[in-house]
Amino acid sequence: MTISRLSLKALAITVAVAAIAGAALLLARPQPVDSAVLGADWECTQTAFVLTTCAPRATPAVETSRKDLIRPTRG
């Protein structure tokens, strides 16, 4: 009987630890934050309500057509 009780206790502890870890992961997801001080050119995220990081917002690359790149030849 002691082996059975020990196994159930270990299973219960494992399930509780997994639930706490899952809740911590949900709270630790980066959330977008508005930063009026930095302006619209910056993108900030806050992780676990504690750590805030900001980076310049990526600007999309301008696409050019191949015709613009080809130089006209004489003759």
N, C-alpha and C. Protein backbone atom coordinates (compact mmCIF):
# COMPACT_ATOMS: atom_id res chain seq x y z
N MET A 1 0.81 -1.19 0.00
CA MET A 1 0.00 0.00 0.00
C MET A 1 0.86 1.27 0.00
N THR A 2 2.01 1.25 0.61
CA THR A 2 2.83 2.47 0.66
C THR A 2 3.34 2.84 -0.73
N ILE A 3 3.59 1.83 -1.56
CA ILE A 3 4.05 2.12 -2.93
C ILE A 3 2.95 2.83 -3.71
N SER A 4 1.72 2.39 -3.55
CA SER A 4 0.59 2.99 -4.25
C SER A 4 0.38 4.44 -3.80
N ARG A 5 0.43 4.68 -2.50
CA ARG A 5 0.24 6.05 -1.99
C ARG A 5 1.37 6.96 -2.44
N LEU A 6 2.58 6.46 -2.46
CA LEU A 6 3.73 7.24 -2.89
C LEU A 6 3.60 7.59 -4.37
N SER A 7 3.15 6.66 -5.17
CA SER A 7 2.99 6.90 -6.60
C SER A 7 1.90 7.93 -6.86
N LEU A 8 0.79 7.84 -6.12
CA LEU A 8 -0.28 8.83 -6.28
C LEU A 8 0.18 10.22 -5.84
N LYS A 9 0.96 10.26 -4.78
CA LYS A 9 1.48 11.55 -4.31
C LYS A 9 2.43 12.15 -5.36
N ALA A 10 3.30 11.32 -5.91
CA ALA A 10 4.23 11.79 -6.94
C ALA A 10 3.48 12.27 -8.18
N LEU A 11 2.43 11.56 -8.55
CA LEU A 11 1.61 11.96 -9.70
C LEU A 11 0.92 13.29 -9.44
N ALA A 12 0.39 13.46 -8.24
CA ALA A 12 -0.29 14.71 -7.88
C ALA A 12 0.69 15.88 -7.89
N ILE A 13 1.89 15.67 -7.38
CA ILE A 13 2.90 16.73 -7.39
C ILE A 13 3.31 17.07 -8.82
N THR A 14 3.46 16.07 -9.65
CA THR A 14 3.82 16.29 -11.05
C THR A 14 2.75 17.09 -11.78
N VAL A 15 1.51 16.76 -11.56
CA VAL A 15 0.40 17.49 -12.21
C VAL A 15 0.36 18.93 -11.71
N ALA A 16 0.57 19.15 -10.41
CA ALA A 16 0.56 20.50 -9.86
C ALA A 16 1.70 21.34 -10.41
N VAL A 17 2.88 20.76 -10.52
CA VAL A 17 4.03 21.48 -11.07
C VAL A 17 3.79 21.82 -12.54
N ALA A 18 3.22 20.89 -13.30
CA ALA A 18 2.92 21.15 -14.71
C ALA A 18 1.89 22.26 -14.85
N ALA A 19 0.90 22.30 -13.99
CA ALA A 19 -0.12 23.35 -14.05
C ALA A 19 0.48 24.71 -13.71
N ILE A 20 1.34 24.76 -12.72
CA ILE A 20 1.99 26.02 -12.35
C ILE A 20 2.92 26.49 -13.48
N ALA A 21 3.63 25.56 -14.09
CA ALA A 21 4.52 25.92 -15.20
C ALA A 21 3.72 26.45 -16.40
N GLY A 22 2.59 25.83 -16.68
CA GLY A 22 1.73 26.30 -17.76
C GLY A 22 1.19 27.70 -17.51
N ALA A 23 0.77 27.96 -16.28
CA ALA A 23 0.28 29.29 -15.92
C ALA A 23 1.40 30.32 -16.02
N ALA A 24 2.60 29.96 -15.61
CA ALA A 24 3.74 30.89 -15.70
C ALA A 24 4.06 31.20 -17.16
N LEU A 25 3.98 30.22 -18.03
CA LEU A 25 4.23 30.46 -19.45
C LEU A 25 3.18 31.38 -20.06
N LEU A 26 1.94 31.23 -19.65
CA LEU A 26 0.89 32.11 -20.17
C LEU A 26 1.11 33.55 -19.71
N LEU A 27 1.55 33.75 -18.49
CA LEU A 27 1.79 35.09 -17.99
C LEU A 27 3.07 35.70 -18.56
N ALA A 28 4.01 34.86 -18.96
CA ALA A 28 5.31 35.35 -19.42
C ALA A 28 5.33 35.68 -20.91
N ARG A 29 4.22 35.47 -21.61
CA ARG A 29 4.20 35.80 -23.04
C ARG A 29 4.42 37.29 -23.24
N PRO A 30 5.22 37.68 -24.25
CA PRO A 30 5.40 39.11 -24.52
C PRO A 30 4.10 39.74 -25.00
N GLN A 31 3.74 40.85 -24.40
CA GLN A 31 2.53 41.59 -24.77
C GLN A 31 2.95 42.92 -25.39
N PRO A 32 2.31 43.33 -26.50
CA PRO A 32 2.66 44.63 -27.08
C PRO A 32 2.26 45.78 -26.15
N VAL A 33 3.11 46.79 -26.09
CA VAL A 33 2.88 47.94 -25.22
C VAL A 33 3.04 49.21 -26.06
N ASP A 34 2.13 50.17 -25.88
CA ASP A 34 2.26 51.45 -26.56
C ASP A 34 3.26 52.31 -25.81
N SER A 35 4.16 52.94 -26.56
CA SER A 35 5.13 53.83 -25.95
C SER A 35 5.02 55.20 -26.60
N ALA A 36 4.33 56.10 -25.93
CA ALA A 36 4.14 57.45 -26.46
C ALA A 36 5.44 58.25 -26.38
N VAL A 37 6.33 57.88 -25.50
CA VAL A 37 7.58 58.61 -25.34
C VAL A 37 8.50 58.39 -26.54
N LEU A 38 8.58 57.15 -27.02
CA LEU A 38 9.49 56.84 -28.12
C LEU A 38 8.91 57.19 -29.48
N GLY A 39 7.61 57.16 -29.62
CA GLY A 39 6.98 57.50 -30.89
C GLY A 39 6.56 56.27 -31.67
N ALA A 40 6.06 56.51 -32.88
CA ALA A 40 5.51 55.44 -33.70
C ALA A 40 6.58 54.59 -34.37
N ASP A 41 7.83 55.05 -34.36
CA ASP A 41 8.90 54.30 -35.02
C ASP A 41 9.46 53.18 -34.16
N TRP A 42 8.94 53.01 -32.96
CA TRP A 42 9.43 51.98 -32.05
C TRP A 42 8.32 51.01 -31.69
N GLU A 43 8.72 49.76 -31.45
CA GLU A 43 7.79 48.71 -31.04
C GLU A 43 8.26 48.13 -29.71
N CYS A 44 7.40 48.18 -28.70
CA CYS A 44 7.78 47.72 -27.36
C CYS A 44 6.92 46.53 -26.94
N THR A 45 7.52 45.60 -26.20
CA THR A 45 6.79 44.47 -25.64
C THR A 45 7.14 44.35 -24.16
N GLN A 46 6.18 43.87 -23.39
CA GLN A 46 6.38 43.69 -21.95
C GLN A 46 6.18 42.22 -21.63
N THR A 47 7.14 41.63 -20.92
CA THR A 47 7.10 40.22 -20.57
C THR A 47 6.90 40.08 -19.07
N ALA A 48 5.91 39.29 -18.68
CA ALA A 48 5.62 38.96 -17.28
C ALA A 48 5.43 40.21 -16.44
N PHE A 49 4.90 41.27 -17.01
CA PHE A 49 4.60 42.53 -16.32
C PHE A 49 5.83 43.17 -15.71
N VAL A 50 7.05 42.71 -16.07
CA VAL A 50 8.25 43.22 -15.44
C VAL A 50 9.24 43.76 -16.46
N LEU A 51 9.59 42.96 -17.44
CA LEU A 51 10.65 43.28 -18.39
C LEU A 51 10.04 43.92 -19.64
N THR A 52 10.45 45.14 -19.96
CA THR A 52 9.97 45.83 -21.15
C THR A 52 11.15 46.03 -22.09
N THR A 53 10.98 45.59 -23.34
CA THR A 53 12.02 45.78 -24.36
C THR A 53 11.43 46.53 -25.53
N CYS A 54 12.25 47.38 -26.13
CA CYS A 54 11.82 48.16 -27.29
C CYS A 54 12.83 48.01 -28.40
N ALA A 55 12.34 48.00 -29.63
CA ALA A 55 13.20 47.90 -30.81
C ALA A 55 12.61 48.78 -31.90
N PRO A 56 13.46 49.26 -32.79
CA PRO A 56 12.93 50.06 -33.90
C PRO A 56 11.99 49.22 -34.75
N ARG A 57 10.90 49.84 -35.17
CA ARG A 57 9.93 49.14 -36.01
C ARG A 57 10.55 48.88 -37.37
N ALA A 58 10.40 47.67 -37.87
CA ALA A 58 10.97 47.30 -39.17
C ALA A 58 10.19 47.99 -40.29
N THR A 59 10.92 48.58 -41.21
CA THR A 59 10.27 49.21 -42.36
C THR A 59 10.29 48.23 -43.52
N PRO A 60 9.18 48.09 -44.23
CA PRO A 60 9.15 47.15 -45.34
C PRO A 60 10.08 47.60 -46.46
N ALA A 61 10.72 46.64 -47.08
CA ALA A 61 11.64 46.94 -48.18
C ALA A 61 10.85 47.38 -49.41
N VAL A 62 11.42 48.32 -50.14
CA VAL A 62 10.78 48.81 -51.36
C VAL A 62 11.18 47.89 -52.50
N GLU A 63 10.19 47.40 -53.20
CA GLU A 63 10.45 46.48 -54.28
C GLU A 63 10.59 47.24 -55.60
N THR A 64 11.61 46.92 -56.36
CA THR A 64 11.80 47.55 -57.66
C THR A 64 11.63 46.50 -58.75
N SER A 65 11.23 46.95 -59.90
CA SER A 65 11.07 46.01 -61.00
C SER A 65 12.42 45.81 -61.69
N ARG A 66 12.56 44.71 -62.39
CA ARG A 66 13.81 44.40 -63.09
C ARG A 66 14.07 45.38 -64.23
N LYS A 67 13.03 45.98 -64.79
CA LYS A 67 13.21 46.91 -65.90
C LYS A 67 13.98 48.14 -65.46
N ASP A 68 13.82 48.54 -64.23
CA ASP A 68 14.53 49.70 -63.72
C ASP A 68 16.02 49.42 -63.56
N LEU A 69 16.38 48.17 -63.36
CA LEU A 69 17.77 47.81 -63.12
C LEU A 69 18.57 47.63 -64.42
N ILE A 70 17.91 47.37 -65.52
CA ILE A 70 18.60 47.13 -66.79
C ILE A 70 18.92 48.46 -67.46
N ARG A 71 20.20 48.66 -67.78
CA ARG A 71 20.59 49.89 -68.44
C ARG A 71 20.34 49.77 -69.94
N PRO A 72 19.87 50.83 -70.55
CA PRO A 72 19.71 50.79 -72.00
C PRO A 72 21.06 50.79 -72.69
N THR A 73 21.20 50.01 -73.74
CA THR A 73 22.44 49.93 -74.50
C THR A 73 22.30 50.69 -75.80
N ARG A 74 23.42 51.20 -76.32
CA ARG A 74 23.40 51.89 -77.61
C ARG A 74 23.51 50.89 -78.73
N GLY A 75 22.88 51.23 -79.83
CA GLY A 75 23.09 50.46 -81.03
C GLY A 75 22.05 49.53 -81.32
